[in-house]
Amino acid sequence: GAVYSFAAEPFAPHVVEDGRLVTGQNPRAHGPWPKRLKQLG
C-alpha cells in the first residue's frame, strides 16, 4: 500500500511512499526532503 503524507503548506509537495518508491508533485520530491520527512515521521 501507499502512505500519503500531506505537508502543512499547501504548495509543498506531498510524498507517496510504496516500498522503495518515493514520488511527489515535482522533481524536488526525489531529493533529500522526502528522506527528511521519513526521518521525522
N, C-alpha and C. Protein backbone atom coordinates (compact mmCIF):
# COMPACT_ATOMS: atom_id res chain seq x y z
N GLY A 1 0.82 -1.19 0.00
CA GLY A 1 0.00 0.00 0.00
C GLY A 1 0.86 1.25 0.00
N ALA A 2 0.22 2.36 -0.15
CA ALA A 2 0.93 3.64 -0.19
C ALA A 2 0.55 4.47 1.03
N VAL A 3 1.49 5.27 1.45
CA VAL A 3 1.25 6.17 2.58
C VAL A 3 1.26 7.60 2.05
N TYR A 4 0.16 8.31 2.26
CA TYR A 4 0.06 9.68 1.78
C TYR A 4 0.37 10.63 2.93
N SER A 5 1.39 11.44 2.74
CA SER A 5 1.78 12.39 3.78
C SER A 5 1.61 13.80 3.23
N PHE A 6 0.74 14.56 3.83
CA PHE A 6 0.47 15.91 3.34
C PHE A 6 1.23 16.93 4.18
N ALA A 7 1.92 17.82 3.49
CA ALA A 7 2.70 18.85 4.18
C ALA A 7 1.77 19.92 4.74
N ALA A 8 2.27 20.66 5.72
CA ALA A 8 1.47 21.71 6.34
C ALA A 8 1.20 22.84 5.34
N GLU A 9 2.17 23.10 4.45
CA GLU A 9 2.00 24.14 3.46
C GLU A 9 1.27 23.55 2.25
N PRO A 10 0.26 24.24 1.73
CA PRO A 10 -0.50 23.71 0.60
C PRO A 10 0.32 23.59 -0.68
N PHE A 11 1.40 24.37 -0.80
CA PHE A 11 2.20 24.35 -2.01
C PHE A 11 3.39 23.41 -1.93
N ALA A 12 3.60 22.81 -0.76
CA ALA A 12 4.70 21.87 -0.62
C ALA A 12 4.30 20.53 -1.25
N PRO A 13 5.24 19.82 -1.84
CA PRO A 13 4.92 18.54 -2.47
C PRO A 13 4.57 17.48 -1.44
N HIS A 14 3.57 16.68 -1.76
CA HIS A 14 3.25 15.57 -0.88
C HIS A 14 4.08 14.36 -1.28
N VAL A 15 4.27 13.48 -0.36
CA VAL A 15 5.12 12.32 -0.60
C VAL A 15 4.26 11.06 -0.62
N VAL A 16 4.41 10.27 -1.66
CA VAL A 16 3.73 8.99 -1.76
C VAL A 16 4.78 7.91 -1.70
N GLU A 17 4.72 7.08 -0.68
CA GLU A 17 5.74 6.06 -0.48
C GLU A 17 5.12 4.69 -0.62
N ASP A 18 5.72 3.86 -1.46
CA ASP A 18 5.26 2.50 -1.63
C ASP A 18 6.50 1.63 -1.79
N GLY A 19 6.94 1.00 -0.72
CA GLY A 19 8.17 0.24 -0.76
C GLY A 19 9.36 1.18 -0.89
N ARG A 20 10.12 1.03 -1.98
CA ARG A 20 11.28 1.88 -2.19
C ARG A 20 10.96 3.07 -3.07
N LEU A 21 9.71 3.15 -3.54
CA LEU A 21 9.32 4.20 -4.46
C LEU A 21 8.85 5.44 -3.71
N VAL A 22 9.44 6.57 -4.03
CA VAL A 22 9.02 7.84 -3.45
C VAL A 22 8.78 8.82 -4.59
N THR A 23 7.55 9.29 -4.70
CA THR A 23 7.22 10.23 -5.76
C THR A 23 6.55 11.46 -5.17
N GLY A 24 6.47 12.52 -5.96
CA GLY A 24 5.83 13.74 -5.50
C GLY A 24 5.31 14.55 -6.66
N GLN A 25 4.93 15.78 -6.41
CA GLN A 25 4.35 16.62 -7.44
C GLN A 25 5.40 17.33 -8.28
N ASN A 26 6.66 17.32 -7.85
CA ASN A 26 7.71 18.00 -8.60
C ASN A 26 9.03 17.27 -8.42
N PRO A 27 10.03 17.56 -9.26
CA PRO A 27 11.31 16.84 -9.19
C PRO A 27 12.00 16.96 -7.84
N ARG A 28 11.73 18.03 -7.09
CA ARG A 28 12.36 18.18 -5.78
C ARG A 28 11.90 17.10 -4.81
N ALA A 29 10.77 16.46 -5.10
CA ALA A 29 10.26 15.40 -4.24
C ALA A 29 11.19 14.18 -4.25
N HIS A 30 12.09 14.11 -5.24
CA HIS A 30 13.02 12.99 -5.31
C HIS A 30 14.32 13.29 -4.59
N GLY A 31 14.42 14.47 -3.99
CA GLY A 31 15.65 14.89 -3.32
C GLY A 31 15.67 14.51 -1.85
N PRO A 32 16.45 15.22 -1.06
CA PRO A 32 16.62 14.88 0.36
C PRO A 32 15.40 15.22 1.22
N TRP A 33 14.47 16.04 0.73
CA TRP A 33 13.34 16.46 1.56
C TRP A 33 12.45 15.29 1.97
N PRO A 34 12.05 14.38 1.05
CA PRO A 34 11.25 13.22 1.48
C PRO A 34 11.99 12.34 2.48
N LYS A 35 13.30 12.22 2.30
CA LYS A 35 14.09 11.44 3.25
C LYS A 35 14.03 12.08 4.63
N ARG A 36 14.06 13.41 4.66
CA ARG A 36 13.97 14.13 5.93
C ARG A 36 12.60 13.92 6.57
N LEU A 37 11.56 13.93 5.74
CA LEU A 37 10.21 13.69 6.25
C LEU A 37 10.10 12.30 6.86
N LYS A 38 10.74 11.32 6.20
CA LYS A 38 10.71 9.96 6.70
C LYS A 38 11.44 9.86 8.04
N GLN A 39 12.52 10.63 8.19
CA GLN A 39 13.27 10.62 9.45
C GLN A 39 12.44 11.25 10.56
N LEU A 40 11.73 12.33 10.24
CA LEU A 40 10.91 13.00 11.24
C LEU A 40 9.70 12.16 11.60
N GLY A 41 9.18 11.42 10.63
CA GLY A 41 7.99 10.61 10.86
C GLY A 41 8.35 9.39 11.65
